[in-house]
Amino acid sequence: MNPGDHLVLFADVAVTTSGLHLGFALGAEGDGLYLYDGTGSLIDSVRFGHQLPDLSIGRIGYDGRWA
């Protein structure tokens, strides 16, 4: 991937729908997600608390803010 590109990954165990499914789900009570490169260096991460149904969070811009 190049800077500015994005890839949508579904954190669920669905196998009957299209898309890239990770085979695991994130915890509704709070969890963390970590992205590493091929050498094992941490590239990015997010930790979050309790999640409300049908509400998403996402990064806005390149300054690291989450909304």
PDB file of N, CA and C in Angstrom:
ATOM      1  N   MET A   1       0.840  -1.172   0.000  1.00  0.00           N
ATOM      2  CA  MET A   1       0.000   0.000   0.000  1.00  0.00           C
ATOM      3  C   MET A   1       0.884   1.233   0.000  1.00  0.00           C
ATOM      4  N   ASN A   2       0.385   2.279  -0.589  1.00  0.00           N
ATOM      5  CA  ASN A   2       1.097   3.544  -0.652  1.00  0.00           C
ATOM      6  C   ASN A   2       0.504   4.530   0.344  1.00  0.00           C
ATOM      7  N   PRO A   3       1.271   5.556   0.749  1.00  0.00           N
ATOM      8  CA  PRO A   3       0.715   6.571   1.648  1.00  0.00           C
ATOM      9  C   PRO A   3      -0.583   7.134   1.080  1.00  0.00           C
ATOM     10  N   GLY A   4      -1.576   7.279   1.946  1.00  0.00           N
ATOM     11  CA  GLY A   4      -2.878   7.794   1.537  1.00  0.00           C
ATOM     12  C   GLY A   4      -3.848   6.724   1.075  1.00  0.00           C
ATOM     13  N   ASP A   5      -3.358   5.510   0.810  1.00  0.00           N
ATOM     14  CA  ASP A   5      -4.243   4.409   0.432  1.00  0.00           C
ATOM     15  C   ASP A   5      -4.992   3.907   1.659  1.00  0.00           C
ATOM     16  N   HIS A   6      -6.053   3.188   1.442  1.00  0.00           N
ATOM     17  CA  HIS A   6      -6.774   2.561   2.549  1.00  0.00           C
ATOM     18  C   HIS A   6      -7.239   1.174   2.127  1.00  0.00           C
ATOM     19  N   LEU A   7      -7.467   0.363   3.127  1.00  0.00           N
ATOM     20  CA  LEU A   7      -7.929  -0.999   2.920  1.00  0.00           C
ATOM     21  C   LEU A   7      -8.985  -1.274   3.976  1.00  0.00           C
ATOM     22  N   VAL A   8     -10.137  -1.752   3.567  1.00  0.00           N
ATOM     23  CA  VAL A   8     -11.213  -2.063   4.507  1.00  0.00           C
ATOM     24  C   VAL A   8     -11.103  -3.528   4.900  1.00  0.00           C
ATOM     25  N   LEU A   9     -10.985  -3.767   6.199  1.00  0.00           N
ATOM     26  CA  LEU A   9     -10.938  -5.117   6.763  1.00  0.00           C
ATOM     27  C   LEU A   9     -12.103  -5.250   7.737  1.00  0.00           C
ATOM     28  N   PHE A  10     -12.774  -6.371   7.687  1.00  0.00           N
ATOM     29  CA  PHE A  10     -13.906  -6.610   8.576  1.00  0.00           C
ATOM     30  C   PHE A  10     -13.449  -7.484   9.739  1.00  0.00           C
ATOM     31  N   ALA A  11     -13.567  -6.940  10.960  1.00  0.00           N
ATOM     32  CA  ALA A  11     -13.178  -7.693  12.157  1.00  0.00           C
ATOM     33  C   ALA A  11     -14.380  -8.535  12.596  1.00  0.00           C
ATOM     34  N   ASP A  12     -14.557  -9.654  11.903  1.00  0.00           N
ATOM     35  CA  ASP A  12     -15.624 -10.593  12.226  1.00  0.00           C
ATOM     36  C   ASP A  12     -15.239 -11.970  11.691  1.00  0.00           C
ATOM     37  N   VAL A  13     -16.115 -12.919  11.895  1.00  0.00           N
ATOM     38  CA  VAL A  13     -15.827 -14.286  11.462  1.00  0.00           C
ATOM     39  C   VAL A  13     -16.691 -14.703  10.272  1.00  0.00           C
ATOM     40  N   ALA A  14     -17.299 -13.726   9.596  1.00  0.00           N
ATOM     41  CA  ALA A  14     -18.163 -14.041   8.450  1.00  0.00           C
ATOM     42  C   ALA A  14     -17.355 -14.680   7.328  1.00  0.00           C
ATOM     43  N   VAL A  15     -17.924 -15.671   6.712  1.00  0.00           N
ATOM     44  CA  VAL A  15     -17.267 -16.312   5.566  1.00  0.00           C
ATOM     45  C   VAL A  15     -18.168 -16.328   4.344  1.00  0.00           C
ATOM     46  N   THR A  16     -19.407 -15.889   4.511  1.00  0.00           N
ATOM     47  CA  THR A  16     -20.354 -15.957   3.404  1.00  0.00           C
ATOM     48  C   THR A  16     -20.553 -14.613   2.704  1.00  0.00           C
ATOM     49  N   THR A  17     -19.947 -13.544   3.201  1.00  0.00           N
ATOM     50  CA  THR A  17     -20.083 -12.231   2.573  1.00  0.00           C
ATOM     51  C   THR A  17     -18.761 -11.838   1.927  1.00  0.00           C
ATOM     52  N   SER A  18     -18.829 -10.937   0.965  1.00  0.00           N
ATOM     53  CA  SER A  18     -17.616 -10.511   0.282  1.00  0.00           C
ATOM     54  C   SER A  18     -16.784  -9.601   1.184  1.00  0.00           C
ATOM     55  N   GLY A  19     -15.538  -9.399   0.829  1.00  0.00           N
ATOM     56  CA  GLY A  19     -14.638  -8.540   1.590  1.00  0.00           C
ATOM     57  C   GLY A  19     -13.564  -9.348   2.287  1.00  0.00           C
ATOM     58  N   LEU A  20     -12.664  -8.642   2.925  1.00  0.00           N
ATOM     59  CA  LEU A  20     -11.564  -9.270   3.667  1.00  0.00           C
ATOM     60  C   LEU A  20     -11.943  -9.353   5.138  1.00  0.00           C
ATOM     61  N   HIS A  21     -12.205 -10.561   5.607  1.00  0.00           N
ATOM     62  CA  HIS A  21     -12.632 -10.796   6.986  1.00  0.00           C
ATOM     63  C   HIS A  21     -11.456 -11.356   7.776  1.00  0.00           C
ATOM     64  N   LEU A  22     -11.227 -10.788   8.969  1.00  0.00           N
ATOM     65  CA  LEU A  22     -10.057 -11.128   9.774  1.00  0.00           C
ATOM     66  C   LEU A  22     -10.178 -12.446  10.517  1.00  0.00           C
ATOM     67  N   GLY A  23     -11.381 -12.954  10.697  1.00  0.00           N
ATOM     68  CA  GLY A  23     -11.543 -14.214  11.414  1.00  0.00           C
ATOM     69  C   GLY A  23     -11.628 -14.041  12.919  1.00  0.00           C
ATOM     70  N   PHE A  24     -11.709 -12.803  13.385  1.00  0.00           N
ATOM     71  CA  PHE A  24     -11.909 -12.526  14.801  1.00  0.00           C
ATOM     72  C   PHE A  24     -12.674 -11.218  14.913  1.00  0.00           C
ATOM     73  N   ALA A  25     -13.310 -11.012  16.053  1.00  0.00           N
ATOM     74  CA  ALA A  25     -14.067  -9.787  16.295  1.00  0.00           C
ATOM     75  C   ALA A  25     -13.393  -8.985  17.406  1.00  0.00           C
ATOM     76  N   LEU A  26     -13.645  -7.700  17.417  1.00  0.00           N
ATOM     77  CA  LEU A  26     -13.151  -6.826  18.480  1.00  0.00           C
ATOM     78  C   LEU A  26     -14.190  -6.778  19.591  1.00  0.00           C
ATOM     79  N   GLY A  27     -13.730  -6.657  20.825  1.00  0.00           N
ATOM     80  CA  GLY A  27     -14.625  -6.705  21.972  1.00  0.00           C
ATOM     81  C   GLY A  27     -15.464  -5.441  22.134  1.00  0.00           C
ATOM     82  N   ALA A  28     -16.767  -5.593  22.268  1.00  0.00           N
ATOM     83  CA  ALA A  28     -17.670  -4.459  22.441  1.00  0.00           C
ATOM     84  C   ALA A  28     -17.416  -3.725  23.752  1.00  0.00           C
ATOM     85  N   GLU A  29     -16.823  -4.403  24.732  1.00  0.00           N
ATOM     86  CA  GLU A  29     -16.547  -3.774  26.024  1.00  0.00           C
ATOM     87  C   GLU A  29     -15.236  -2.983  26.011  1.00  0.00           C
ATOM     88  N   GLY A  30     -14.501  -3.057  24.906  1.00  0.00           N
ATOM     89  CA  GLY A  30     -13.224  -2.360  24.759  1.00  0.00           C
ATOM     90  C   GLY A  30     -12.171  -3.329  24.263  1.00  0.00           C
ATOM     91  N   ASP A  31     -11.221  -2.823  23.533  1.00  0.00           N
ATOM     92  CA  ASP A  31     -10.207  -3.699  22.947  1.00  0.00           C
ATOM     93  C   ASP A  31      -9.079  -2.844  22.383  1.00  0.00           C
ATOM     94  N   GLY A  32      -8.195  -3.455  21.669  1.00  0.00           N
ATOM     95  CA  GLY A  32      -7.112  -2.745  21.003  1.00  0.00           C
ATOM     96  C   GLY A  32      -6.779  -3.441  19.702  1.00  0.00           C
ATOM     97  N   LEU A  33      -6.268  -2.668  18.767  1.00  0.00           N
ATOM     98  CA  LEU A  33      -5.877  -3.199  17.470  1.00  0.00           C
ATOM     99  C   LEU A  33      -4.513  -2.621  17.134  1.00  0.00           C
ATOM    100  N   TYR A  34      -3.587  -3.470  16.689  1.00  0.00           N
ATOM    101  CA  TYR A  34      -2.206  -3.068  16.441  1.00  0.00           C
ATOM    102  C   TYR A  34      -1.791  -3.496  15.040  1.00  0.00           C
ATOM    103  N   LEU A  35      -1.138  -2.617  14.318  1.00  0.00           N
ATOM    104  CA  LEU A  35      -0.693  -2.879  12.960  1.00  0.00           C
ATOM    105  C   LEU A  35       0.829  -2.895  12.930  1.00  0.00           C
ATOM    106  N   TYR A  36       1.401  -4.016  12.473  1.00  0.00           N
ATOM    107  CA  TYR A  36       2.854  -4.193  12.405  1.00  0.00           C
ATOM    108  C   TYR A  36       3.285  -4.362  10.956  1.00  0.00           C
ATOM    109  N   ASP A  37       4.504  -3.938  10.653  1.00  0.00           N
ATOM    110  CA  ASP A  37       5.032  -4.184   9.312  1.00  0.00           C
ATOM    111  C   ASP A  37       5.676  -5.557   9.250  1.00  0.00           C
ATOM    112  N   GLY A  38       6.246  -5.913   8.108  1.00  0.00           N
ATOM    113  CA  GLY A  38       6.831  -7.235   7.905  1.00  0.00           C
ATOM    114  C   GLY A  38       8.021  -7.545   8.792  1.00  0.00           C
ATOM    115  N   THR A  39       8.635  -6.519   9.387  1.00  0.00           N
ATOM    116  CA  THR A  39       9.782  -6.747  10.277  1.00  0.00           C
ATOM    117  C   THR A  39       9.376  -6.841  11.737  1.00  0.00           C
ATOM    118  N   GLY A  40       8.079  -6.649  12.015  1.00  0.00           N
ATOM    119  CA  GLY A  40       7.604  -6.706  13.387  1.00  0.00           C
ATOM    120  C   GLY A  40       7.581  -5.361  14.092  1.00  0.00           C
ATOM    121  N   SER A  41       7.849  -4.266  13.378  1.00  0.00           N
ATOM    122  CA  SER A  41       7.802  -2.932  13.975  1.00  0.00           C
ATOM    123  C   SER A  41       6.362  -2.423  13.991  1.00  0.00           C
ATOM    124  N   LEU A  42       5.967  -1.856  15.116  1.00  0.00           N
ATOM    125  CA  LEU A  42       4.619  -1.307  15.249  1.00  0.00           C
ATOM    126  C   LEU A  42       4.477  -0.077  14.362  1.00  0.00           C
ATOM    127  N   ILE A  43       3.468  -0.079  13.495  1.00  0.00           N
ATOM    128  CA  ILE A  43       3.207   1.043  12.599  1.00  0.00           C
ATOM    129  C   ILE A  43       2.129   1.956  13.172  1.00  0.00           C
ATOM    130  N   ASP A  44       1.075   1.367  13.727  1.00  0.00           N
ATOM    131  CA  ASP A  44      -0.052   2.152  14.217  1.00  0.00           C
ATOM    132  C   ASP A  44      -0.843   1.308  15.198  1.00  0.00           C
ATOM    133  N   SER A  45      -1.644   1.958  16.007  1.00  0.00           N
ATOM    134  CA  SER A  45      -2.479   1.223  16.950  1.00  0.00           C
ATOM    135  C   SER A  45      -3.642   2.102  17.390  1.00  0.00           C
ATOM    136  N   VAL A  46      -4.646   1.466  17.919  1.00  0.00           N
ATOM    137  CA  VAL A  46      -5.774   2.159  18.544  1.00  0.00           C
ATOM    138  C   VAL A  46      -6.292   1.275  19.676  1.00  0.00           C
ATOM    139  N   ARG A  47      -6.580   1.910  20.815  1.00  0.00           N
ATOM    140  CA  ARG A  47      -7.239   1.244  21.933  1.00  0.00           C
ATOM    141  C   ARG A  47      -8.534   1.991  22.158  1.00  0.00           C
ATOM    142  N   PHE A  48      -9.584   1.276  22.479  1.00  0.00           N
ATOM    143  CA  PHE A  48     -10.875   1.917  22.653  1.00  0.00           C
ATOM    144  C   PHE A  48     -11.632   1.262  23.786  1.00  0.00           C
ATOM    145  N   GLY A  49     -12.531   2.033  24.361  1.00  0.00           N
ATOM    146  CA  GLY A  49     -13.384   1.547  25.439  1.00  0.00           C
ATOM    147  C   GLY A  49     -14.688   1.001  24.911  1.00  0.00           C
ATOM    148  N   HIS A  50     -15.666   0.961  25.786  1.00  0.00           N
ATOM    149  CA  HIS A  50     -16.987   0.414  25.467  1.00  0.00           C
ATOM    150  C   HIS A  50     -17.529   1.023  24.180  1.00  0.00           C
ATOM    151  N   GLN A  51     -18.067   0.179  23.312  1.00  0.00           N
ATOM    152  CA  GLN A  51     -18.611   0.615  22.024  1.00  0.00           C
ATOM    153  C   GLN A  51     -20.132   0.574  22.027  1.00  0.00           C
ATOM    154  N   LEU A  52     -20.727   1.572  21.402  1.00  0.00           N
ATOM    155  CA  LEU A  52     -22.180   1.621  21.257  1.00  0.00           C
ATOM    156  C   LEU A  52     -22.582   0.875  19.991  1.00  0.00           C
ATOM    157  N   PRO A  53     -23.725   0.206  19.977  1.00  0.00           N
ATOM    158  CA  PRO A  53     -24.167  -0.523  18.783  1.00  0.00           C
ATOM    159  C   PRO A  53     -24.314   0.404  17.576  1.00  0.00           C
ATOM    160  N   ASP A  54     -23.877  -0.079  16.427  1.00  0.00           N
ATOM    161  CA  ASP A  54     -24.035   0.621  15.148  1.00  0.00           C
ATOM    162  C   ASP A  54     -23.370   1.993  15.107  1.00  0.00           C
ATOM    163  N   LEU A  55     -22.279   2.174  15.843  1.00  0.00           N
ATOM    164  CA  LEU A  55     -21.525   3.425  15.826  1.00  0.00           C
ATOM    165  C   LEU A  55     -20.063   3.090  15.586  1.00  0.00           C
ATOM    166  N   SER A  56     -19.434   3.783  14.667  1.00  0.00           N
ATOM    167  CA  SER A  56     -18.037   3.510  14.318  1.00  0.00           C
ATOM    168  C   SER A  56     -17.142   4.662  14.743  1.00  0.00           C
ATOM    169  N   ILE A  57     -15.875   4.353  14.958  1.00  0.00           N
ATOM    170  CA  ILE A  57     -14.871   5.389  15.150  1.00  0.00           C
ATOM    171  C   ILE A  57     -13.907   5.311  13.976  1.00  0.00           C
ATOM    172  N   GLY A  58     -13.227   6.388  13.714  1.00  0.00           N
ATOM    173  CA  GLY A  58     -12.267   6.402  12.623  1.00  0.00           C
ATOM    174  C   GLY A  58     -11.313   7.566  12.760  1.00  0.00           C
ATOM    175  N   ARG A  59     -10.190   7.483  12.105  1.00  0.00           N
ATOM    176  CA  ARG A  59      -9.186   8.541  12.134  1.00  0.00           C
ATOM    177  C   ARG A  59      -9.571   9.636  11.151  1.00  0.00           C
ATOM    178  N   ILE A  60      -9.351  10.865  11.573  1.00  0.00           N
ATOM    179  CA  ILE A  60      -9.607  12.022  10.722  1.00  0.00           C
ATOM    180  C   ILE A  60      -8.257  12.635  10.367  1.00  0.00           C
ATOM    181  N   GLY A  61      -7.894  12.622   9.084  1.00  0.00           N
ATOM    182  CA  GLY A  61      -6.638  13.223   8.653  1.00  0.00           C
ATOM    183  C   GLY A  61      -5.428  12.437   9.107  1.00  0.00           C
ATOM    184  N   TYR A  62      -4.292  13.098   9.090  1.00  0.00           N
ATOM    185  CA  TYR A  62      -3.020  12.437   9.410  1.00  0.00           C
ATOM    186  C   TYR A  62      -2.454  12.835  10.755  1.00  0.00           C
ATOM    187  N   ASP A  63      -3.192  13.622  11.538  1.00  0.00           N
ATOM    188  CA  ASP A  63      -2.652  14.082  12.821  1.00  0.00           C
ATOM    189  C   ASP A  63      -2.932  13.123  13.969  1.00  0.00           C
ATOM    190  N   GLY A  64      -3.565  11.986  13.681  1.00  0.00           N
ATOM    191  CA  GLY A  64      -3.786  10.987  14.711  1.00  0.00           C
ATOM    192  C   GLY A  64      -5.064  11.150  15.507  1.00  0.00           C
ATOM    193  N   ARG A  65      -5.902  12.157  15.187  1.00  0.00           N
ATOM    194  CA  ARG A  65      -7.167  12.328  15.906  1.00  0.00           C
ATOM    195  C   ARG A  65      -8.143  11.237  15.525  1.00  0.00           C
ATOM    196  N   TRP A  66      -8.893  10.772  16.512  1.00  0.00           N
ATOM    197  CA  TRP A  66      -9.939   9.773  16.282  1.00  0.00           C
ATOM    198  C   TRP A  66     -11.271  10.405  16.590  1.00  0.00           C
ATOM    199  N   ALA A  67     -12.285  10.033  15.861  1.00  0.00           N
ATOM    200  CA  ALA A  67     -13.620  10.581  16.108  1.00  0.00           C
ATOM    201  C   ALA A  67     -14.654   9.471  15.997  1.00  0.00           C
TER     202      ALA A  67
END
